[in-house]
Amino acid sequence: MTELGQTDNYSLSDHIEAIIEHVGKGIIDICICDTGEVTPEFVRRYNKMGADLVEQDIEKAKEKEVRIIKKNMSCIKNEKIRHNPDMIASTIMDIICTDLKYRDKQDEQYMLINTKLQKEKKKQKSNNKVAKHKKEKEPKRVKKQSKFINKYSERIESIQTSENKRQENRRLLEKSEEKKNK
């Protein structure tokens, strides 16, 4: 999500560019991009606070010579959109084990990290199966979820417009009441 007054209207490539401007080119090799689905109702809550989903302009971000890894890391915690720390850690360990330092795969540290990674993958797979089983038992609900802001931009805009109209009508009603009371 964007931060009001800090990253208004920032896209993925804008975030990368801001980091490059602050610390210099070549500092970012890999960017983990969250592709998790967020329901429009949660987006609306954030919109009311001046925040929005970060536009995922992957192609433009790749022009910054940064490798983009897309992973679903979203979760809802305490009624807020958050990144799943276990998924982030697992993804980083996977990058380390497959892409970076441990290419020869004979190092003791690699073996420890890779063992932990394999356990986490099994745990996540098991958790996904349990969650899927629970979903199958739940009564079917209509899901209204989005992956990217542009996918539901019309709906979000409509929600924002209706909210603005509701607030304007409320103000007019309050003014009318004030005039009656005078």
N, C-alpha and C. Protein backbone atom coordinates (compact mmCIF):
# COMPACT_ATOMS: atom_id res chain seq x y z
N MET A 1 0.84 -1.18 0.00
CA MET A 1 0.00 0.00 0.00
C MET A 1 0.89 1.24 0.00
N THR A 2 0.36 2.30 -0.61
CA THR A 2 1.08 3.56 -0.59
C THR A 2 0.92 4.20 0.80
N GLU A 3 1.78 5.15 1.11
CA GLU A 3 1.72 5.89 2.38
C GLU A 3 1.32 7.31 2.08
N LEU A 4 0.26 7.77 2.71
CA LEU A 4 -0.23 9.13 2.50
C LEU A 4 0.87 10.15 2.77
N GLY A 5 1.11 11.01 1.79
CA GLY A 5 2.10 12.07 1.93
C GLY A 5 3.54 11.63 1.72
N GLN A 6 3.75 10.33 1.53
CA GLN A 6 5.11 9.83 1.34
C GLN A 6 5.29 9.16 -0.02
N THR A 7 4.37 8.26 -0.33
CA THR A 7 4.49 7.52 -1.58
C THR A 7 3.19 7.58 -2.37
N ASP A 8 2.51 8.73 -2.33
CA ASP A 8 1.25 8.89 -3.07
C ASP A 8 1.45 8.54 -4.55
N ASN A 9 0.56 7.70 -5.06
CA ASN A 9 0.56 7.29 -6.47
C ASN A 9 1.84 6.59 -6.92
N TYR A 10 2.62 6.06 -5.99
CA TYR A 10 3.84 5.35 -6.36
C TYR A 10 3.49 3.99 -6.95
N SER A 11 4.22 3.64 -7.98
CA SER A 11 4.10 2.30 -8.56
C SER A 11 5.33 1.51 -8.09
N LEU A 12 5.39 0.26 -8.48
CA LEU A 12 6.53 -0.59 -8.14
C LEU A 12 7.82 0.05 -8.65
N SER A 13 7.82 0.49 -9.91
CA SER A 13 9.03 1.10 -10.48
C SER A 13 9.39 2.40 -9.77
N ASP A 14 8.40 3.15 -9.30
CA ASP A 14 8.67 4.39 -8.56
C ASP A 14 9.38 4.09 -7.24
N HIS A 15 8.96 3.02 -6.55
CA HIS A 15 9.62 2.64 -5.30
C HIS A 15 11.09 2.27 -5.58
N ILE A 16 11.30 1.48 -6.62
CA ILE A 16 12.67 1.08 -6.97
C ILE A 16 13.50 2.31 -7.32
N GLU A 17 12.95 3.20 -8.12
CA GLU A 17 13.66 4.41 -8.53
C GLU A 17 14.00 5.28 -7.31
N ALA A 18 13.10 5.39 -6.36
CA ALA A 18 13.36 6.19 -5.16
C ALA A 18 14.55 5.63 -4.37
N ILE A 19 14.62 4.31 -4.27
CA ILE A 19 15.75 3.68 -3.56
C ILE A 19 17.04 3.94 -4.32
N ILE A 20 17.01 3.78 -5.64
CA ILE A 20 18.20 4.02 -6.46
C ILE A 20 18.66 5.48 -6.32
N GLU A 21 17.71 6.41 -6.32
CA GLU A 21 18.07 7.83 -6.17
C GLU A 21 18.73 8.11 -4.82
N HIS A 22 18.32 7.40 -3.78
CA HIS A 22 18.87 7.64 -2.44
C HIS A 22 20.22 6.96 -2.22
N VAL A 23 20.40 5.76 -2.76
CA VAL A 23 21.63 5.01 -2.44
C VAL A 23 22.50 4.69 -3.64
N GLY A 24 22.03 4.95 -4.83
CA GLY A 24 22.84 4.73 -6.01
C GLY A 24 22.44 3.49 -6.80
N LYS A 25 22.81 3.51 -8.05
CA LYS A 25 22.49 2.41 -8.96
C LYS A 25 23.29 1.16 -8.59
N GLY A 26 22.69 0.01 -8.83
CA GLY A 26 23.35 -1.26 -8.58
C GLY A 26 23.12 -1.81 -7.18
N ILE A 27 22.38 -1.10 -6.36
CA ILE A 27 22.13 -1.55 -4.99
C ILE A 27 21.05 -2.63 -4.94
N ILE A 28 20.13 -2.61 -5.90
CA ILE A 28 19.04 -3.58 -5.93
C ILE A 28 19.26 -4.56 -7.07
N ASP A 29 19.35 -5.83 -6.74
CA ASP A 29 19.46 -6.88 -7.75
C ASP A 29 18.11 -7.55 -7.99
N ILE A 30 17.40 -7.76 -6.87
CA ILE A 30 16.15 -8.52 -6.91
C ILE A 30 15.08 -7.76 -6.13
N CYS A 31 13.87 -7.75 -6.66
CA CYS A 31 12.73 -7.17 -5.97
C CYS A 31 11.65 -8.24 -5.86
N ILE A 32 11.21 -8.50 -4.64
CA ILE A 32 10.12 -9.45 -4.43
C ILE A 32 8.83 -8.65 -4.48
N CYS A 33 7.99 -8.99 -5.45
CA CYS A 33 6.76 -8.24 -5.71
C CYS A 33 5.56 -9.06 -5.23
N ASP A 34 4.78 -8.49 -4.34
CA ASP A 34 3.61 -9.18 -3.78
C ASP A 34 2.46 -9.20 -4.78
N THR A 35 2.00 -10.39 -5.11
CA THR A 35 0.88 -10.53 -6.05
C THR A 35 -0.39 -10.99 -5.34
N GLY A 36 -0.41 -10.87 -4.03
CA GLY A 36 -1.56 -11.33 -3.25
C GLY A 36 -2.84 -10.58 -3.61
N GLU A 37 -3.94 -11.28 -3.51
CA GLU A 37 -5.24 -10.68 -3.81
C GLU A 37 -5.77 -9.96 -2.58
N VAL A 38 -6.30 -8.78 -2.80
CA VAL A 38 -6.85 -7.97 -1.72
C VAL A 38 -8.29 -7.64 -2.08
N THR A 39 -9.20 -7.91 -1.16
CA THR A 39 -10.61 -7.63 -1.45
C THR A 39 -10.84 -6.13 -1.53
N PRO A 40 -11.74 -5.70 -2.41
CA PRO A 40 -12.02 -4.27 -2.55
C PRO A 40 -12.46 -3.59 -1.25
N GLU A 41 -13.09 -4.34 -0.37
CA GLU A 41 -13.52 -3.76 0.90
C GLU A 41 -12.32 -3.29 1.73
N PHE A 42 -11.22 -4.07 1.71
CA PHE A 42 -10.02 -3.64 2.43
C PHE A 42 -9.36 -2.47 1.71
N VAL A 43 -9.38 -2.49 0.39
CA VAL A 43 -8.82 -1.38 -0.38
C VAL A 43 -9.57 -0.10 -0.03
N ARG A 44 -10.89 -0.20 0.11
CA ARG A 44 -11.71 0.97 0.45
C ARG A 44 -11.31 1.55 1.80
N ARG A 45 -11.05 0.68 2.77
CA ARG A 45 -10.62 1.15 4.09
C ARG A 45 -9.33 1.97 3.97
N TYR A 46 -8.41 1.44 3.19
CA TYR A 46 -7.14 2.15 3.01
C TYR A 46 -7.34 3.44 2.21
N ASN A 47 -8.25 3.40 1.23
CA ASN A 47 -8.53 4.61 0.44
C ASN A 47 -9.02 5.73 1.34
N LYS A 48 -9.83 5.40 2.34
CA LYS A 48 -10.35 6.41 3.26
C LYS A 48 -9.22 7.09 4.04
N MET A 49 -8.11 6.37 4.21
CA MET A 49 -6.96 6.93 4.92
C MET A 49 -5.95 7.55 3.97
N GLY A 50 -6.30 7.59 2.67
CA GLY A 50 -5.43 8.21 1.68
C GLY A 50 -4.40 7.27 1.08
N ALA A 51 -4.51 5.98 1.35
CA ALA A 51 -3.58 4.99 0.81
C ALA A 51 -4.23 4.24 -0.35
N ASP A 52 -3.40 3.59 -1.14
CA ASP A 52 -3.91 2.83 -2.28
C ASP A 52 -2.97 1.67 -2.56
N LEU A 53 -3.42 0.72 -3.37
CA LEU A 53 -2.56 -0.37 -3.79
C LEU A 53 -1.43 0.18 -4.65
N VAL A 54 -0.27 -0.43 -4.52
CA VAL A 54 0.86 -0.05 -5.36
C VAL A 54 0.65 -0.68 -6.73
N GLU A 55 0.67 0.15 -7.76
CA GLU A 55 0.52 -0.35 -9.13
C GLU A 55 1.74 -1.20 -9.46
N GLN A 56 1.50 -2.37 -10.02
CA GLN A 56 2.59 -3.29 -10.31
C GLN A 56 2.98 -3.20 -11.79
N ASP A 57 3.73 -2.18 -12.11
CA ASP A 57 4.21 -1.98 -13.48
C ASP A 57 5.51 -2.77 -13.68
N ILE A 58 5.36 -4.08 -13.77
CA ILE A 58 6.48 -5.02 -13.80
C ILE A 58 7.46 -4.70 -14.94
N GLU A 59 6.94 -4.48 -16.14
CA GLU A 59 7.81 -4.24 -17.29
C GLU A 59 8.67 -3.00 -17.08
N LYS A 60 8.09 -1.94 -16.57
CA LYS A 60 8.84 -0.71 -16.31
C LYS A 60 9.87 -0.94 -15.21
N ALA A 61 9.51 -1.74 -14.21
CA ALA A 61 10.44 -2.06 -13.12
C ALA A 61 11.63 -2.86 -13.65
N LYS A 62 11.39 -3.76 -14.59
CA LYS A 62 12.47 -4.56 -15.17
C LYS A 62 13.46 -3.68 -15.92
N GLU A 63 12.99 -2.54 -16.44
CA GLU A 63 13.88 -1.61 -17.14
C GLU A 63 14.94 -1.04 -16.21
N LYS A 64 14.72 -1.13 -14.92
CA LYS A 64 15.67 -0.62 -13.92
C LYS A 64 16.78 -1.63 -13.66
N GLU A 65 16.82 -2.69 -14.47
CA GLU A 65 17.80 -3.77 -14.35
C GLU A 65 17.71 -4.48 -13.00
N VAL A 66 16.46 -4.71 -12.61
CA VAL A 66 16.17 -5.42 -11.37
C VAL A 66 15.36 -6.65 -11.72
N ARG A 67 15.76 -7.78 -11.17
CA ARG A 67 15.00 -9.02 -11.38
C ARG A 67 13.78 -8.99 -10.47
N ILE A 68 12.62 -9.23 -11.05
CA ILE A 68 11.37 -9.21 -10.29
C ILE A 68 10.92 -10.64 -10.01
N ILE A 69 10.68 -10.92 -8.75
CA ILE A 69 10.14 -12.22 -8.34
C ILE A 69 8.74 -11.96 -7.81
N LYS A 70 7.74 -12.58 -8.44
CA LYS A 70 6.35 -12.37 -8.05
C LYS A 70 5.90 -13.51 -7.14
N LYS A 71 5.41 -13.13 -5.95
CA LYS A 71 4.94 -14.11 -4.97
C LYS A 71 3.72 -13.57 -4.26
N ASN A 72 2.82 -14.48 -3.91
CA ASN A 72 1.65 -14.10 -3.11
C ASN A 72 2.09 -14.09 -1.65
N MET A 73 2.21 -12.89 -1.09
CA MET A 73 2.65 -12.77 0.29
C MET A 73 1.67 -11.98 1.15
N SER A 74 0.49 -11.72 0.65
CA SER A 74 -0.48 -10.92 1.41
C SER A 74 -1.23 -11.78 2.41
N CYS A 75 -1.54 -11.15 3.53
CA CYS A 75 -2.42 -11.76 4.51
C CYS A 75 -3.12 -10.64 5.26
N ILE A 76 -4.22 -10.97 5.87
CA ILE A 76 -4.95 -10.00 6.68
C ILE A 76 -4.67 -10.33 8.14
N LYS A 77 -4.15 -9.35 8.87
CA LYS A 77 -3.83 -9.55 10.28
C LYS A 77 -4.35 -8.34 11.04
N ASN A 78 -5.19 -8.60 12.02
CA ASN A 78 -5.80 -7.52 12.82
C ASN A 78 -6.50 -6.50 11.92
N GLU A 79 -7.23 -7.01 10.93
CA GLU A 79 -8.01 -6.17 10.01
C GLU A 79 -7.14 -5.24 9.18
N LYS A 80 -5.86 -5.61 8.98
CA LYS A 80 -4.96 -4.82 8.15
C LYS A 80 -4.28 -5.74 7.15
N ILE A 81 -3.96 -5.16 5.99
CA ILE A 81 -3.24 -5.91 4.97
C ILE A 81 -1.77 -5.94 5.38
N ARG A 82 -1.21 -7.12 5.43
CA ARG A 82 0.19 -7.29 5.83
C ARG A 82 0.87 -8.28 4.90
N HIS A 83 2.21 -8.26 4.93
CA HIS A 83 2.98 -9.28 4.24
C HIS A 83 3.22 -10.42 5.20
N ASN A 84 3.09 -11.65 4.71
CA ASN A 84 3.30 -12.84 5.52
C ASN A 84 4.80 -13.01 5.76
N PRO A 85 5.27 -12.83 7.00
CA PRO A 85 6.72 -12.89 7.25
C PRO A 85 7.33 -14.26 6.94
N ASP A 86 6.57 -15.33 7.13
CA ASP A 86 7.09 -16.67 6.82
C ASP A 86 7.32 -16.83 5.32
N MET A 87 6.40 -16.28 4.51
CA MET A 87 6.55 -16.36 3.06
C MET A 87 7.74 -15.52 2.59
N ILE A 88 7.93 -14.36 3.20
CA ILE A 88 9.07 -13.51 2.85
C ILE A 88 10.37 -14.24 3.18
N ALA A 89 10.46 -14.79 4.39
CA ALA A 89 11.68 -15.49 4.80
C ALA A 89 11.95 -16.69 3.90
N SER A 90 10.91 -17.44 3.59
CA SER A 90 11.05 -18.60 2.72
C SER A 90 11.54 -18.19 1.33
N THR A 91 10.99 -17.11 0.81
CA THR A 91 11.39 -16.63 -0.51
C THR A 91 12.84 -16.18 -0.51
N ILE A 92 13.24 -15.47 0.53
CA ILE A 92 14.63 -15.02 0.62
C ILE A 92 15.58 -16.21 0.74
N MET A 93 15.23 -17.19 1.56
CA MET A 93 16.07 -18.38 1.68
C MET A 93 16.17 -19.11 0.35
N ASP A 94 15.06 -19.17 -0.38
CA ASP A 94 15.06 -19.81 -1.68
C ASP A 94 15.99 -19.08 -2.65
N ILE A 95 15.96 -17.75 -2.62
CA ILE A 95 16.85 -16.96 -3.48
C ILE A 95 18.31 -17.24 -3.12
N ILE A 96 18.60 -17.27 -1.83
CA ILE A 96 19.97 -17.53 -1.38
C ILE A 96 20.43 -18.91 -1.84
N CYS A 97 19.58 -19.90 -1.66
CA CYS A 97 19.97 -21.27 -1.98
C CYS A 97 20.06 -21.53 -3.48
N THR A 98 19.22 -20.88 -4.27
CA THR A 98 19.21 -21.20 -5.70
C THR A 98 19.98 -20.21 -6.55
N ASP A 99 20.09 -18.97 -6.13
CA ASP A 99 20.65 -17.96 -7.02
C ASP A 99 21.97 -17.35 -6.57
N LEU A 100 22.22 -17.28 -5.31
CA LEU A 100 23.34 -16.48 -4.86
C LEU A 100 24.54 -17.31 -4.42
N LYS A 101 24.89 -17.18 -3.18
CA LYS A 101 26.15 -17.68 -2.65
C LYS A 101 26.36 -19.18 -2.79
N TYR A 102 25.31 -19.95 -2.68
CA TYR A 102 25.48 -21.40 -2.55
C TYR A 102 25.22 -22.15 -3.84
N ARG A 103 25.85 -21.74 -4.89
CA ARG A 103 25.64 -22.40 -6.18
C ARG A 103 26.24 -23.80 -6.21
N ASP A 104 27.34 -24.01 -5.49
CA ASP A 104 27.96 -25.34 -5.52
C ASP A 104 27.23 -26.34 -4.62
N LYS A 105 26.47 -25.85 -3.66
CA LYS A 105 25.59 -26.65 -2.81
C LYS A 105 26.32 -27.70 -1.97
N GLN A 106 27.59 -27.48 -1.69
CA GLN A 106 28.35 -28.41 -0.84
C GLN A 106 28.67 -27.77 0.51
N ASP A 107 28.35 -26.52 0.67
CA ASP A 107 28.65 -25.75 1.87
C ASP A 107 27.72 -26.17 3.01
N GLU A 108 28.26 -26.22 4.23
CA GLU A 108 27.49 -26.61 5.41
C GLU A 108 26.34 -25.63 5.68
N GLN A 109 26.61 -24.33 5.52
CA GLN A 109 25.56 -23.33 5.73
C GLN A 109 24.43 -23.52 4.72
N TYR A 110 24.80 -23.84 3.49
CA TYR A 110 23.77 -24.10 2.47
C TYR A 110 22.88 -25.25 2.92
N MET A 111 23.51 -26.30 3.40
CA MET A 111 22.74 -27.48 3.81
C MET A 111 21.76 -27.11 4.92
N LEU A 112 22.19 -26.30 5.89
CA LEU A 112 21.31 -25.90 6.99
C LEU A 112 20.15 -25.04 6.47
N ILE A 113 20.49 -24.05 5.64
CA ILE A 113 19.45 -23.17 5.10
C ILE A 113 18.48 -23.94 4.23
N ASN A 114 19.02 -24.81 3.38
CA ASN A 114 18.17 -25.57 2.47
C ASN A 114 17.26 -26.53 3.23
N THR A 115 17.77 -27.14 4.29
CA THR A 115 16.94 -28.03 5.12
C THR A 115 15.79 -27.24 5.73
N LYS A 116 16.12 -26.07 6.28
CA LYS A 116 15.08 -25.20 6.87
C LYS A 116 14.06 -24.80 5.80
N LEU A 117 14.56 -24.45 4.62
CA LEU A 117 13.69 -24.05 3.52
C LEU A 117 12.74 -25.19 3.13
N GLN A 118 13.26 -26.38 3.02
CA GLN A 118 12.43 -27.53 2.64
C GLN A 118 11.36 -27.80 3.70
N LYS A 119 11.73 -27.65 4.97
CA LYS A 119 10.75 -27.83 6.06
C LYS A 119 9.66 -26.77 5.97
N GLU A 120 10.06 -25.51 5.70
CA GLU A 120 9.08 -24.42 5.59
C GLU A 120 8.15 -24.65 4.39
N LYS A 121 8.70 -25.14 3.28
CA LYS A 121 7.86 -25.41 2.10
C LYS A 121 6.84 -26.51 2.42
N LYS A 122 7.27 -27.55 3.12
CA LYS A 122 6.34 -28.62 3.51
C LYS A 122 5.26 -28.08 4.45
N LYS A 123 5.70 -27.24 5.40
CA LYS A 123 4.76 -26.64 6.36
C LYS A 123 3.74 -25.77 5.62
N GLN A 124 4.22 -24.95 4.69
CA GLN A 124 3.33 -24.07 3.93
C GLN A 124 2.36 -24.90 3.08
N LYS A 125 2.86 -25.95 2.48
CA LYS A 125 2.02 -26.82 1.66
C LYS A 125 0.94 -27.47 2.52
N SER A 126 1.32 -27.91 3.70
CA SER A 126 0.38 -28.51 4.64
C SER A 126 -0.66 -27.49 5.09
N ASN A 127 -0.20 -26.26 5.41
CA ASN A 127 -1.12 -25.19 5.80
C ASN A 127 -2.10 -24.86 4.68
N ASN A 128 -1.60 -24.86 3.45
CA ASN A 128 -2.47 -24.59 2.30
C ASN A 128 -3.53 -25.67 2.14
N LYS A 129 -3.14 -26.92 2.37
CA LYS A 129 -4.10 -28.02 2.27
C LYS A 129 -5.17 -27.90 3.35
N VAL A 130 -4.74 -27.56 4.57
CA VAL A 130 -5.69 -27.39 5.68
C VAL A 130 -6.64 -26.24 5.37
N ALA A 131 -6.08 -25.13 4.88
CA ALA A 131 -6.92 -23.97 4.55
C ALA A 131 -7.89 -24.31 3.43
N LYS A 132 -7.42 -25.05 2.44
CA LYS A 132 -8.29 -25.45 1.33
C LYS A 132 -9.40 -26.37 1.82
N HIS A 133 -9.05 -27.29 2.72
CA HIS A 133 -10.04 -28.21 3.28
C HIS A 133 -11.10 -27.45 4.07
N LYS A 134 -10.65 -26.44 4.84
CA LYS A 134 -11.59 -25.61 5.61
C LYS A 134 -12.51 -24.83 4.67
N LYS A 135 -11.95 -24.33 3.60
CA LYS A 135 -12.76 -23.58 2.63
C LYS A 135 -13.82 -24.46 2.01
N GLU A 136 -13.46 -25.69 1.71
CA GLU A 136 -14.41 -26.61 1.09
C GLU A 136 -15.57 -26.90 2.03
N LYS A 137 -15.31 -26.90 3.34
CA LYS A 137 -16.37 -27.16 4.32
C LYS A 137 -17.26 -25.94 4.54
N GLU A 138 -16.69 -24.73 4.33
CA GLU A 138 -17.47 -23.50 4.52
C GLU A 138 -18.52 -23.37 3.44
N PRO A 139 -19.63 -22.73 3.77
CA PRO A 139 -20.61 -22.47 2.72
C PRO A 139 -20.01 -21.55 1.67
N LYS A 140 -20.39 -21.81 0.44
CA LYS A 140 -19.85 -21.02 -0.68
C LYS A 140 -20.28 -19.57 -0.56
N ARG A 141 -19.30 -18.68 -0.66
CA ARG A 141 -19.55 -17.25 -0.64
C ARG A 141 -19.05 -16.67 -1.96
N VAL A 142 -19.67 -15.61 -2.35
CA VAL A 142 -19.21 -14.93 -3.55
C VAL A 142 -17.95 -14.16 -3.20
N LYS A 143 -16.86 -14.45 -3.90
CA LYS A 143 -15.61 -13.77 -3.64
C LYS A 143 -15.47 -12.59 -4.58
N LYS A 144 -15.08 -11.49 -4.01
CA LYS A 144 -14.82 -10.30 -4.80
C LYS A 144 -13.41 -9.85 -4.45
N GLN A 145 -12.43 -10.41 -5.16
CA GLN A 145 -11.04 -10.12 -4.86
C GLN A 145 -10.34 -9.59 -6.11
N SER A 146 -9.27 -8.86 -5.87
CA SER A 146 -8.49 -8.33 -6.97
C SER A 146 -7.01 -8.58 -6.75
N LYS A 147 -6.27 -8.61 -7.82
CA LYS A 147 -4.82 -8.73 -7.72
C LYS A 147 -4.16 -7.38 -7.88
N PHE A 148 -4.70 -6.56 -8.74
CA PHE A 148 -4.05 -5.29 -9.04
C PHE A 148 -5.09 -4.19 -9.05
N ILE A 149 -4.63 -3.00 -8.77
CA ILE A 149 -5.54 -1.86 -8.70
C ILE A 149 -6.26 -1.64 -10.02
N ASN A 150 -5.57 -1.79 -11.14
CA ASN A 150 -6.23 -1.51 -12.43
C ASN A 150 -7.30 -2.54 -12.76
N LYS A 151 -7.23 -3.72 -12.15
CA LYS A 151 -8.25 -4.73 -12.40
C LYS A 151 -9.60 -4.28 -11.90
N TYR A 152 -9.62 -3.58 -10.76
CA TYR A 152 -10.87 -3.12 -10.17
C TYR A 152 -10.91 -1.61 -10.03
N SER A 153 -10.15 -0.92 -10.85
CA SER A 153 -10.07 0.53 -10.69
C SER A 153 -11.45 1.18 -10.84
N GLU A 154 -12.27 0.69 -11.76
CA GLU A 154 -13.61 1.27 -11.94
C GLU A 154 -14.45 1.07 -10.68
N ARG A 155 -14.36 -0.11 -10.10
CA ARG A 155 -15.15 -0.40 -8.89
C ARG A 155 -14.67 0.46 -7.72
N ILE A 156 -13.36 0.54 -7.58
CA ILE A 156 -12.80 1.34 -6.50
C ILE A 156 -13.21 2.80 -6.67
N GLU A 157 -13.12 3.28 -7.91
CA GLU A 157 -13.52 4.65 -8.21
C GLU A 157 -14.99 4.87 -7.87
N SER A 158 -15.82 3.89 -8.22
CA SER A 158 -17.25 3.98 -7.93
C SER A 158 -17.49 4.02 -6.42
N ILE A 159 -16.77 3.21 -5.68
CA ILE A 159 -16.90 3.20 -4.22
C ILE A 159 -16.48 4.55 -3.65
N GLN A 160 -15.36 5.07 -4.16
CA GLN A 160 -14.89 6.37 -3.68
C GLN A 160 -15.91 7.47 -4.01
N THR A 161 -16.46 7.43 -5.22
CA THR A 161 -17.46 8.43 -5.62
C THR A 161 -18.69 8.34 -4.74
N SER A 162 -19.18 7.12 -4.51
CA SER A 162 -20.38 6.98 -3.68
C SER A 162 -20.11 7.43 -2.25
N GLU A 163 -18.92 7.16 -1.75
CA GLU A 163 -18.56 7.61 -0.40
C GLU A 163 -18.51 9.13 -0.35
N ASN A 164 -17.93 9.75 -1.36
CA ASN A 164 -17.88 11.22 -1.41
C ASN A 164 -19.29 11.83 -1.48
N LYS A 165 -20.16 11.23 -2.30
CA LYS A 165 -21.54 11.70 -2.41
C LYS A 165 -22.27 11.55 -1.07
N ARG A 166 -22.05 10.44 -0.41
CA ARG A 166 -22.69 10.20 0.89
C ARG A 166 -22.24 11.25 1.90
N GLN A 167 -20.95 11.54 1.92
CA GLN A 167 -20.45 12.54 2.84
C GLN A 167 -20.98 13.93 2.50
N GLU A 168 -21.07 14.25 1.21
CA GLU A 168 -21.60 15.54 0.78
C GLU A 168 -23.07 15.68 1.17
N ASN A 169 -23.85 14.62 0.95
CA ASN A 169 -25.27 14.63 1.34
C ASN A 169 -25.41 14.81 2.85
N ARG A 170 -24.54 14.18 3.59
CA ARG A 170 -24.57 14.31 5.05
C ARG A 170 -24.28 15.75 5.47
N ARG A 171 -23.27 16.37 4.82
CA ARG A 171 -22.95 17.77 5.12
C ARG A 171 -24.14 18.69 4.80
N LEU A 172 -24.76 18.45 3.63
CA LEU A 172 -25.92 19.27 3.24
C LEU A 172 -27.06 19.10 4.23
N LEU A 173 -27.29 17.89 4.67
CA LEU A 173 -28.34 17.63 5.65
C LEU A 173 -28.03 18.34 6.97
N GLU A 174 -26.77 18.29 7.39
CA GLU A 174 -26.38 18.97 8.63
C GLU A 174 -26.58 20.47 8.50
N LYS A 175 -26.21 21.04 7.35
CA LYS A 175 -26.41 22.48 7.11
C LYS A 175 -27.89 22.83 7.14
N SER A 176 -28.70 21.97 6.53
CA SER A 176 -30.13 22.19 6.51
C SER A 176 -30.70 22.19 7.92
N GLU A 177 -30.23 21.23 8.72
CA GLU A 177 -30.67 21.14 10.13
C GLU A 177 -30.25 22.38 10.91
N GLU A 178 -29.04 22.86 10.64
CA GLU A 178 -28.57 24.07 11.31
C GLU A 178 -29.44 25.26 10.98
N LYS A 179 -29.82 25.40 9.70
CA LYS A 179 -30.67 26.51 9.28
C LYS A 179 -32.04 26.43 9.94
N LYS A 180 -32.59 25.22 10.06
CA LYS A 180 -33.88 25.04 10.71
C LYS A 180 -33.82 25.45 12.17
N ASN A 181 -32.72 25.10 12.82
CA ASN A 181 -32.58 25.39 14.24
C ASN A 181 -32.35 26.88 14.52
N LYS A 182 -31.92 27.64 13.53
CA LYS A 182 -31.69 29.09 13.71
C LYS A 182 -32.96 29.79 13.58
